[in-house]
């Protein structure tokens, strides 16, 4: 790839991306959060999204997930125009997001959380939860992607932070997402719990069955897991390279220079 901000390519040239963002901008009154952002997410690719607070990462994620609408620009999912007007529309199209709060219900079991909002129901003659089916499906799916927990009957509140994150990611995957957005998936985790999530992500990456955009302030995590890295600065993409063509030092130096210029203009 040539490293030009806003472009993406693989070794064999352009491929058929699962997601394209073209010339997207977002204004909140006089505040410009994103400026002419273009990127492509390849099928099966893990893309790392870096940037300081206020760089536009959250705004870009919200636009992709349908929480916000762009002020200008277009998006394409599976080569079709993609303009979600709500989070539910984006999810229906195959965009799933795991935020830092995980959106799990601590008092419910693992398998009930896996099917939260999409429960299996029997009508014989009155509707009731088809728990046996959900237990079996949750157990088989978690095993298939390498997530090991004591029991799907355990309540989420009894799990470690790493196990809870794994369940949140697994729930998104079970919904047959095309694109998975991860917001700080290893935030506030110790080495043991972080290793559990890194192992899960490495396993998913090997399968190349889902495309992932991962936001993380820990550059080492991004460079360990992701195929490519994008750096957002003041709402603009300043780096868009395969991880093999850049380094933690390069990204760090660019951010240090950003701080230096900000102090000079203060």
C-alpha atoms as a PDB file:
ATOM      1  CA  UNK A   1       0.000   0.000   0.000  1.00  0.00           C
ATOM      2  CA  UNK A   2       1.128   3.531  -0.607  1.00  0.00           C
ATOM      3  CA  UNK A   3       0.287   4.879   2.837  1.00  0.00           C
ATOM      4  CA  UNK A   4      -1.865   7.688   1.474  1.00  0.00           C
ATOM      5  CA  UNK A   5      -4.362   8.757   4.139  1.00  0.00           C
ATOM      6  CA  UNK A   6      -7.823   7.433   3.394  1.00  0.00           C
ATOM      7  CA  UNK A   7      -6.753   4.610   1.083  1.00  0.00           C
ATOM      8  CA  UNK A   8      -6.398   0.888   1.584  1.00  0.00           C
ATOM      9  CA  UNK A   9      -5.024  -1.960  -0.482  1.00  0.00           C
ATOM     10  CA  UNK A  10      -3.669  -5.455  -0.123  1.00  0.00           C
ATOM     11  CA  UNK A  11      -0.572  -6.982  -1.677  1.00  0.00           C
ATOM     12  CA  UNK A  12      -2.447  -7.952  -4.802  1.00  0.00           C
ATOM     13  CA  UNK A  13      -3.979  -4.511  -5.300  1.00  0.00           C
ATOM     14  CA  UNK A  14      -7.490  -3.332  -4.586  1.00  0.00           C
ATOM     15  CA  UNK A  15      -9.898  -5.922  -3.284  1.00  0.00           C
ATOM     16  CA  UNK A  16     -13.607  -5.922  -2.568  1.00  0.00           C
ATOM     17  CA  UNK A  17     -13.995  -4.182   0.823  1.00  0.00           C
ATOM     18  CA  UNK A  18     -16.824  -5.011   3.182  1.00  0.00           C
ATOM     19  CA  UNK A  19     -17.086  -1.362   4.283  1.00  0.00           C
ATOM     20  CA  UNK A  20     -16.195   1.885   2.550  1.00  0.00           C
ATOM     21  CA  UNK A  21     -16.343   5.347   4.073  1.00  0.00           C
ATOM     22  CA  UNK A  22     -16.014   8.111   1.487  1.00  0.00           C
ATOM     23  CA  UNK A  23     -15.358  11.799   2.236  1.00  0.00           C
ATOM     24  CA  UNK A  24     -17.303  11.751   5.489  1.00  0.00           C
ATOM     25  CA  UNK A  25     -17.417  14.937   7.550  1.00  0.00           C
ATOM     26  CA  UNK A  26     -19.290  15.739  10.727  1.00  0.00           C
ATOM     27  CA  UNK A  27     -20.037  19.196  12.122  1.00  0.00           C
ATOM     28  CA  UNK A  28     -21.571  19.970  15.490  1.00  0.00           C
ATOM     29  CA  UNK A  29     -22.444  23.600  14.916  1.00  0.00           C
ATOM     30  CA  UNK A  30     -19.118  25.430  14.529  1.00  0.00           C
ATOM     31  CA  UNK A  31     -17.172  22.388  15.791  1.00  0.00           C
ATOM     32  CA  UNK A  32     -15.724  20.145  13.071  1.00  0.00           C
ATOM     33  CA  UNK A  33     -15.359  16.608  14.428  1.00  0.00           C
ATOM     34  CA  UNK A  34     -14.448  14.869  11.152  1.00  0.00           C
ATOM     35  CA  UNK A  35     -12.942  16.332   7.980  1.00  0.00           C
ATOM     36  CA  UNK A  36     -13.137  14.442   4.672  1.00  0.00           C
ATOM     37  CA  UNK A  37     -12.521  10.982   6.165  1.00  0.00           C
ATOM     38  CA  UNK A  38     -12.222   8.097   3.712  1.00  0.00           C
ATOM     39  CA  UNK A  39     -11.272   4.513   4.539  1.00  0.00           C
ATOM     40  CA  UNK A  40     -11.864   0.946   3.472  1.00  0.00           C
ATOM     41  CA  UNK A  41     -12.209  -2.149   5.620  1.00  0.00           C
ATOM     42  CA  UNK A  42     -11.295  -5.336   3.802  1.00  0.00           C
ATOM     43  CA  UNK A  43     -13.143  -8.602   4.346  1.00  0.00           C
ATOM     44  CA  UNK A  44     -11.596 -10.412   7.278  1.00  0.00           C
ATOM     45  CA  UNK A  45      -9.338  -7.469   8.101  1.00  0.00           C
ATOM     46  CA  UNK A  46      -8.550  -6.194  11.595  1.00  0.00           C
ATOM     47  CA  UNK A  47      -8.175  -2.420  11.486  1.00  0.00           C
ATOM     48  CA  UNK A  48      -6.781  -0.455  14.422  1.00  0.00           C
ATOM     49  CA  UNK A  49      -8.125   3.061  14.998  1.00  0.00           C
ATOM     50  CA  UNK A  50      -5.869   5.344  17.032  1.00  0.00           C
ATOM     51  CA  UNK A  51      -6.035   8.970  18.065  1.00  0.00           C
ATOM     52  CA  UNK A  52      -6.042  11.243  21.068  1.00  0.00           C
ATOM     53  CA  UNK A  53      -9.225  12.242  22.899  1.00  0.00           C
ATOM     54  CA  UNK A  54     -11.208  14.552  20.629  1.00  0.00           C
ATOM     55  CA  UNK A  55      -9.534  13.266  17.467  1.00  0.00           C
ATOM     56  CA  UNK A  56     -12.858  12.026  16.024  1.00  0.00           C
ATOM     57  CA  UNK A  57     -12.672   8.293  16.780  1.00  0.00           C
ATOM     58  CA  UNK A  58     -15.939   8.137  18.702  1.00  0.00           C
ATOM     59  CA  UNK A  59     -17.737  10.285  16.135  1.00  0.00           C
ATOM     60  CA  UNK A  60     -16.611   8.015  13.311  1.00  0.00           C
ATOM     61  CA  UNK A  61     -17.726   4.929  15.244  1.00  0.00           C
ATOM     62  CA  UNK A  62     -21.110   6.511  15.947  1.00  0.00           C
ATOM     63  CA  UNK A  63     -21.623   7.304  12.259  1.00  0.00           C
ATOM     64  CA  UNK A  64     -20.802   3.746  11.207  1.00  0.00           C
ATOM     65  CA  UNK A  65     -23.149   2.353  13.863  1.00  0.00           C
ATOM     66  CA  UNK A  66     -26.032   4.669  12.966  1.00  0.00           C
ATOM     67  CA  UNK A  67     -25.967   6.655  16.207  1.00  0.00           C
ATOM     68  CA  UNK A  68     -25.000   9.814  14.304  1.00  0.00           C
ATOM     69  CA  UNK A  69     -25.543  10.893  10.711  1.00  0.00           C
ATOM     70  CA  UNK A  70     -22.681  12.434   8.715  1.00  0.00           C
ATOM     71  CA  UNK A  71     -22.889  16.073   7.684  1.00  0.00           C
ATOM     72  CA  UNK A  72     -21.566  14.982   4.291  1.00  0.00           C
ATOM     73  CA  UNK A  73     -20.090  11.934   2.607  1.00  0.00           C
ATOM     74  CA  UNK A  74     -21.215   8.381   1.885  1.00  0.00           C
ATOM     75  CA  UNK A  75     -20.783   4.862   3.191  1.00  0.00           C
ATOM     76  CA  UNK A  76     -21.066   1.509   1.453  1.00  0.00           C
ATOM     77  CA  UNK A  77     -21.568  -1.900   3.053  1.00  0.00           C
ATOM     78  CA  UNK A  78     -21.103  -4.923   0.778  1.00  0.00           C
ATOM     79  CA  UNK A  79     -20.847  -2.434  -2.113  1.00  0.00           C
ATOM     80  CA  UNK A  80     -24.334  -1.104  -1.394  1.00  0.00           C
ATOM     81  CA  UNK A  81     -25.078   2.387  -0.140  1.00  0.00           C
ATOM     82  CA  UNK A  82     -25.242   2.326   3.620  1.00  0.00           C
ATOM     83  CA  UNK A  83     -26.963   5.180   5.444  1.00  0.00           C
ATOM     84  CA  UNK A  84     -28.250   3.823   8.768  1.00  0.00           C
ATOM     85  CA  UNK A  85     -30.686   6.110  10.521  1.00  0.00           C
ATOM     86  CA  UNK A  86     -30.467   4.260  13.823  1.00  0.00           C
ATOM     87  CA  UNK A  87     -28.368   1.730  15.700  1.00  0.00           C
ATOM     88  CA  UNK A  88     -31.039  -0.921  15.092  1.00  0.00           C
ATOM     89  CA  UNK A  89     -30.838  -0.327  11.336  1.00  0.00           C
ATOM     90  CA  UNK A  90     -27.064  -0.704  11.412  1.00  0.00           C
ATOM     91  CA  UNK A  91     -27.336  -3.909  13.448  1.00  0.00           C
ATOM     92  CA  UNK A  92     -29.898  -5.312  11.036  1.00  0.00           C
ATOM     93  CA  UNK A  93     -27.408  -4.634   8.217  1.00  0.00           C
ATOM     94  CA  UNK A  94     -24.639  -6.505  10.054  1.00  0.00           C
ATOM     95  CA  UNK A  95     -22.840  -3.861  12.120  1.00  0.00           C
ATOM     96  CA  UNK A  96     -22.305  -4.861  15.755  1.00  0.00           C
ATOM     97  CA  UNK A  97     -20.513  -2.847  18.428  1.00  0.00           C
ATOM     98  CA  UNK A  98     -19.067  -3.841  21.788  1.00  0.00           C
ATOM     99  CA  UNK A  99     -18.631  -0.783  23.991  1.00  0.00           C
ATOM    100  CA  UNK A 100     -16.674  -0.530  27.217  1.00  0.00           C
ATOM    101  CA  UNK A 101     -19.827  -0.939  29.324  1.00  0.00           C
ATOM    102  CA  UNK A 102     -20.497  -4.269  27.484  1.00  0.00           C
ATOM    103  CA  UNK A 103     -24.319  -3.890  27.823  1.00  0.00           C
ATOM    104  CA  UNK A 104     -24.584  -7.160  29.732  1.00  0.00           C
ATOM    105  CA  UNK A 105     -27.141  -7.840  32.457  1.00  0.00           C
ATOM    106  CA  UNK A 106     -25.129  -9.024  35.439  1.00  0.00           C
ATOM    107  CA  UNK A 107     -28.012 -10.868  37.116  1.00  0.00           C
ATOM    108  CA  UNK A 108     -28.794 -12.964  34.039  1.00  0.00           C
ATOM    109  CA  UNK A 109     -27.019 -16.133  32.990  1.00  0.00           C
ATOM    110  CA  UNK A 110     -24.423 -16.302  30.255  1.00  0.00           C
ATOM    111  CA  UNK A 111     -26.836 -17.956  27.838  1.00  0.00           C
ATOM    112  CA  UNK A 112     -29.610 -15.446  28.550  1.00  0.00           C
ATOM    113  CA  UNK A 113     -27.149 -12.617  27.855  1.00  0.00           C
ATOM    114  CA  UNK A 114     -26.099 -14.306  24.616  1.00  0.00           C
ATOM    115  CA  UNK A 115     -29.729 -14.137  23.432  1.00  0.00           C
ATOM    116  CA  UNK A 116     -30.673 -10.843  25.069  1.00  0.00           C
ATOM    117  CA  UNK A 117     -33.371  -9.218  22.945  1.00  0.00           C
ATOM    118  CA  UNK A 118     -33.405 -12.204  20.578  1.00  0.00           C
ATOM    119  CA  UNK A 119     -34.663 -14.950  22.878  1.00  0.00           C
ATOM    120  CA  UNK A 120     -35.908 -18.289  21.550  1.00  0.00           C
ATOM    121  CA  UNK A 121     -39.568 -18.723  22.487  1.00  0.00           C
ATOM    122  CA  UNK A 122     -41.915 -21.701  22.459  1.00  0.00           C
ATOM    123  CA  UNK A 123     -45.701 -21.323  22.153  1.00  0.00           C
ATOM    124  CA  UNK A 124     -47.254 -24.402  23.785  1.00  0.00           C
ATOM    125  CA  UNK A 125     -49.925 -22.995  24.198  1.00  0.00           C
ATOM    126  CA  UNK A 126     -48.530 -19.994  26.049  1.00  0.00           C
ATOM    127  CA  UNK A 127     -45.197 -18.406  25.131  1.00  0.00           C
ATOM    128  CA  UNK A 128     -42.210 -19.222  27.320  1.00  0.00           C
ATOM    129  CA  UNK A 129     -38.449 -19.091  26.918  1.00  0.00           C
ATOM    130  CA  UNK A 130     -36.907 -22.058  25.147  1.00  0.00           C
ATOM    131  CA  UNK A 131     -34.060 -22.267  27.655  1.00  0.00           C
ATOM    132  CA  UNK A 132     -32.806 -25.699  26.652  1.00  0.00           C
ATOM    133  CA  UNK A 133     -32.289 -24.577  23.053  1.00  0.00           C
ATOM    134  CA  UNK A 134     -30.537 -21.358  24.093  1.00  0.00           C
ATOM    135  CA  UNK A 135     -28.252 -23.201  26.538  1.00  0.00           C
ATOM    136  CA  UNK A 136     -27.206 -25.700  23.908  1.00  0.00           C
ATOM    137  CA  UNK A 137     -26.648 -23.064  21.224  1.00  0.00           C
ATOM    138  CA  UNK A 138     -24.644 -20.825  23.576  1.00  0.00           C
ATOM    139  CA  UNK A 139     -22.479 -23.705  24.785  1.00  0.00           C
ATOM    140  CA  UNK A 140     -21.732 -24.928  21.257  1.00  0.00           C
ATOM    141  CA  UNK A 141     -20.993 -21.477  19.877  1.00  0.00           C
ATOM    142  CA  UNK A 142     -18.697 -20.424  22.706  1.00  0.00           C
ATOM    143  CA  UNK A 143     -16.776 -23.670  22.358  1.00  0.00           C
ATOM    144  CA  UNK A 144     -16.463 -23.205  18.590  1.00  0.00           C
ATOM    145  CA  UNK A 145     -14.690 -19.855  18.967  1.00  0.00           C
ATOM    146  CA  UNK A 146     -12.523 -20.902  21.897  1.00  0.00           C
ATOM    147  CA  UNK A 147     -14.331 -19.153  24.759  1.00  0.00           C
ATOM    148  CA  UNK A 148     -14.173 -21.307  27.878  1.00  0.00           C
ATOM    149  CA  UNK A 149     -16.221 -20.405  30.941  1.00  0.00           C
ATOM    150  CA  UNK A 150     -17.283 -22.557  33.913  1.00  0.00           C
ATOM    151  CA  UNK A 151     -20.895 -22.876  32.747  1.00  0.00           C
ATOM    152  CA  UNK A 152     -23.399 -21.073  30.542  1.00  0.00           C
ATOM    153  CA  UNK A 153     -25.699 -21.283  33.573  1.00  0.00           C
ATOM    154  CA  UNK A 154     -23.384 -18.929  35.509  1.00  0.00           C
ATOM    155  CA  UNK A 155     -24.644 -15.410  36.033  1.00  0.00           C
ATOM    156  CA  UNK A 156     -22.492 -12.753  34.402  1.00  0.00           C
ATOM    157  CA  UNK A 157     -21.776 -11.122  37.768  1.00  0.00           C
ATOM    158  CA  UNK A 158     -19.783 -14.243  38.753  1.00  0.00           C
ATOM    159  CA  UNK A 159     -17.426 -13.936  35.762  1.00  0.00           C
ATOM    160  CA  UNK A 160     -14.113 -12.129  35.554  1.00  0.00           C
ATOM    161  CA  UNK A 161     -13.768  -8.933  33.526  1.00  0.00           C
ATOM    162  CA  UNK A 162     -12.077 -10.821  30.716  1.00  0.00           C
ATOM    163  CA  UNK A 163     -14.801 -13.452  30.631  1.00  0.00           C
ATOM    164  CA  UNK A 164     -17.491 -10.772  30.510  1.00  0.00           C
ATOM    165  CA  UNK A 165     -15.759  -9.065  27.598  1.00  0.00           C
ATOM    166  CA  UNK A 166     -15.515 -12.433  25.842  1.00  0.00           C
ATOM    167  CA  UNK A 167     -19.251 -12.985  26.294  1.00  0.00           C
ATOM    168  CA  UNK A 168     -20.049  -9.512  24.926  1.00  0.00           C
ATOM    169  CA  UNK A 169     -17.887 -10.154  21.852  1.00  0.00           C
ATOM    170  CA  UNK A 170     -19.346 -13.652  21.434  1.00  0.00           C
ATOM    171  CA  UNK A 171     -22.899 -12.284  21.538  1.00  0.00           C
ATOM    172  CA  UNK A 172     -22.076  -9.853  18.727  1.00  0.00           C
ATOM    173  CA  UNK A 173     -20.495 -12.633  16.683  1.00  0.00           C
ATOM    174  CA  UNK A 174     -23.456 -14.943  17.231  1.00  0.00           C
ATOM    175  CA  UNK A 175     -25.693 -12.362  15.575  1.00  0.00           C
ATOM    176  CA  UNK A 176     -23.735 -13.047  12.358  1.00  0.00           C
ATOM    177  CA  UNK A 177     -22.221  -9.599  12.208  1.00  0.00           C
ATOM    178  CA  UNK A 178     -20.344  -8.578   9.076  1.00  0.00           C
ATOM    179  CA  UNK A 179     -18.422  -5.805  10.824  1.00  0.00           C
ATOM    180  CA  UNK A 180     -17.547  -5.741  14.508  1.00  0.00           C
ATOM    181  CA  UNK A 181     -16.520  -2.498  16.207  1.00  0.00           C
ATOM    182  CA  UNK A 182     -14.605  -2.871  19.461  1.00  0.00           C
ATOM    183  CA  UNK A 183     -14.296   0.130  21.758  1.00  0.00           C
ATOM    184  CA  UNK A 184     -11.313  -0.331  24.101  1.00  0.00           C
ATOM    185  CA  UNK A 185     -11.819  -4.111  24.462  1.00  0.00           C
ATOM    186  CA  UNK A 186      -8.921  -4.449  26.941  1.00  0.00           C
ATOM    187  CA  UNK A 187      -9.554  -1.332  29.025  1.00  0.00           C
ATOM    188  CA  UNK A 188      -8.786  -1.664  32.752  1.00  0.00           C
ATOM    189  CA  UNK A 189      -7.848  -5.341  32.438  1.00  0.00           C
ATOM    190  CA  UNK A 190      -4.928  -7.019  34.099  1.00  0.00           C
ATOM    191  CA  UNK A 191      -2.436  -9.133  32.122  1.00  0.00           C
ATOM    192  CA  UNK A 192      -4.307 -12.428  32.676  1.00  0.00           C
ATOM    193  CA  UNK A 193      -7.712 -11.083  31.642  1.00  0.00           C
ATOM    194  CA  UNK A 194      -6.207  -9.122  28.757  1.00  0.00           C
ATOM    195  CA  UNK A 195      -4.499 -12.275  27.499  1.00  0.00           C
ATOM    196  CA  UNK A 196      -7.877 -14.035  27.370  1.00  0.00           C
ATOM    197  CA  UNK A 197      -9.296 -11.365  25.056  1.00  0.00           C
ATOM    198  CA  UNK A 198      -6.141 -11.167  22.947  1.00  0.00           C
ATOM    199  CA  UNK A 199      -6.290 -14.943  22.456  1.00  0.00           C
ATOM    200  CA  UNK A 200      -9.939 -14.693  21.409  1.00  0.00           C
ATOM    201  CA  UNK A 201      -9.173 -11.913  18.928  1.00  0.00           C
ATOM    202  CA  UNK A 202      -6.178 -13.824  17.528  1.00  0.00           C
ATOM    203  CA  UNK A 203      -8.445 -16.839  17.007  1.00  0.00           C
ATOM    204  CA  UNK A 204     -11.049 -14.719  15.217  1.00  0.00           C
ATOM    205  CA  UNK A 205      -8.354 -13.127  13.073  1.00  0.00           C
ATOM    206  CA  UNK A 206      -7.116 -16.535  11.895  1.00  0.00           C
ATOM    207  CA  UNK A 207     -10.620 -17.439  10.761  1.00  0.00           C
ATOM    208  CA  UNK A 208     -10.969 -14.274   8.621  1.00  0.00           C
ATOM    209  CA  UNK A 209     -14.745 -14.607   8.895  1.00  0.00           C
ATOM    210  CA  UNK A 210     -15.446 -11.143  10.280  1.00  0.00           C
ATOM    211  CA  UNK A 211     -14.035  -7.667   9.745  1.00  0.00           C
ATOM    212  CA  UNK A 212     -13.080  -5.693  12.840  1.00  0.00           C
ATOM    213  CA  UNK A 213     -12.402  -2.055  13.684  1.00  0.00           C
ATOM    214  CA  UNK A 214     -10.676  -1.840  17.045  1.00  0.00           C
ATOM    215  CA  UNK A 215     -10.217   1.347  19.062  1.00  0.00           C
ATOM    216  CA  UNK A 216      -7.537   1.105  21.727  1.00  0.00           C
ATOM    217  CA  UNK A 217      -5.263   3.608  23.432  1.00  0.00           C
ATOM    218  CA  UNK A 218      -2.685   0.871  23.977  1.00  0.00           C
ATOM    219  CA  UNK A 219      -0.613   0.911  20.798  1.00  0.00           C
ATOM    220  CA  UNK A 220       0.950  -2.467  21.628  1.00  0.00           C
ATOM    221  CA  UNK A 221      -2.470  -4.148  21.479  1.00  0.00           C
ATOM    222  CA  UNK A 222      -3.211  -2.605  18.087  1.00  0.00           C
ATOM    223  CA  UNK A 223       0.141  -3.628  16.646  1.00  0.00           C
ATOM    224  CA  UNK A 224      -0.213  -7.155  18.035  1.00  0.00           C
ATOM    225  CA  UNK A 225      -3.714  -7.811  16.725  1.00  0.00           C
ATOM    226  CA  UNK A 226      -4.394  -5.577  13.737  1.00  0.00           C
ATOM    227  CA  UNK A 227      -3.410  -5.838  10.074  1.00  0.00           C
ATOM    228  CA  UNK A 228      -3.527  -2.105   9.489  1.00  0.00           C
ATOM    229  CA  UNK A 229      -3.540   1.043  11.565  1.00  0.00           C
ATOM    230  CA  UNK A 230      -5.253   4.388  11.059  1.00  0.00           C
ATOM    231  CA  UNK A 231      -4.345   7.495  13.039  1.00  0.00           C
ATOM    232  CA  UNK A 232      -6.933  10.250  13.385  1.00  0.00           C
ATOM    233  CA  UNK A 233      -5.747  13.726  14.306  1.00  0.00           C
ATOM    234  CA  UNK A 234      -8.133  16.676  14.541  1.00  0.00           C
ATOM    235  CA  UNK A 235     -10.748  14.765  12.552  1.00  0.00           C
ATOM    236  CA  UNK A 236      -8.366  13.884   9.712  1.00  0.00           C
ATOM    237  CA  UNK A 237      -6.627  10.626   8.838  1.00  0.00           C
ATOM    238  CA  UNK A 238      -2.892  11.254   8.971  1.00  0.00           C
ATOM    239  CA  UNK A 239      -1.684   7.632   8.887  1.00  0.00           C
ATOM    240  CA  UNK A 240      -3.227   4.678   7.054  1.00  0.00           C
ATOM    241  CA  UNK A 241      -0.702   1.854   6.772  1.00  0.00           C
ATOM    242  CA  UNK A 242      -0.254  -1.867   7.329  1.00  0.00           C
ATOM    243  CA  UNK A 243       1.292  -2.395  10.746  1.00  0.00           C
ATOM    244  CA  UNK A 244       4.358  -3.876   9.012  1.00  0.00           C
ATOM    245  CA  UNK A 245       5.005  -0.512   7.317  1.00  0.00           C
ATOM    246  CA  UNK A 246       4.829   1.658  10.420  1.00  0.00           C
ATOM    247  CA  UNK A 247       5.749   1.382  14.089  1.00  0.00           C
ATOM    248  CA  UNK A 248       4.709   2.364  17.573  1.00  0.00           C
ATOM    249  CA  UNK A 249       7.530   4.911  17.536  1.00  0.00           C
ATOM    250  CA  UNK A 250       6.233   6.565  14.367  1.00  0.00           C
ATOM    251  CA  UNK A 251       2.694   6.888  15.733  1.00  0.00           C
ATOM    252  CA  UNK A 252       3.957   8.075  19.110  1.00  0.00           C
ATOM    253  CA  UNK A 253       6.198  10.730  17.536  1.00  0.00           C
ATOM    254  CA  UNK A 254       3.326  12.056  15.451  1.00  0.00           C
ATOM    255  CA  UNK A 255       1.157  12.409  18.527  1.00  0.00           C
ATOM    256  CA  UNK A 256       3.982  14.066  20.475  1.00  0.00           C
ATOM    257  CA  UNK A 257       4.359  16.568  17.646  1.00  0.00           C
ATOM    258  CA  UNK A 258       0.620  17.206  17.831  1.00  0.00           C
ATOM    259  CA  UNK A 259       0.937  17.997  21.547  1.00  0.00           C
ATOM    260  CA  UNK A 260       3.924  20.268  20.887  1.00  0.00           C
ATOM    261  CA  UNK A 261       2.082  22.284  18.266  1.00  0.00           C
ATOM    262  CA  UNK A 262      -0.971  22.527  20.508  1.00  0.00           C
ATOM    263  CA  UNK A 263       1.127  23.941  23.356  1.00  0.00           C
ATOM    264  CA  UNK A 264       2.745  26.484  21.041  1.00  0.00           C
ATOM    265  CA  UNK A 265      -0.617  27.740  19.836  1.00  0.00           C
ATOM    266  CA  UNK A 266      -2.145  27.847  23.328  1.00  0.00           C
END
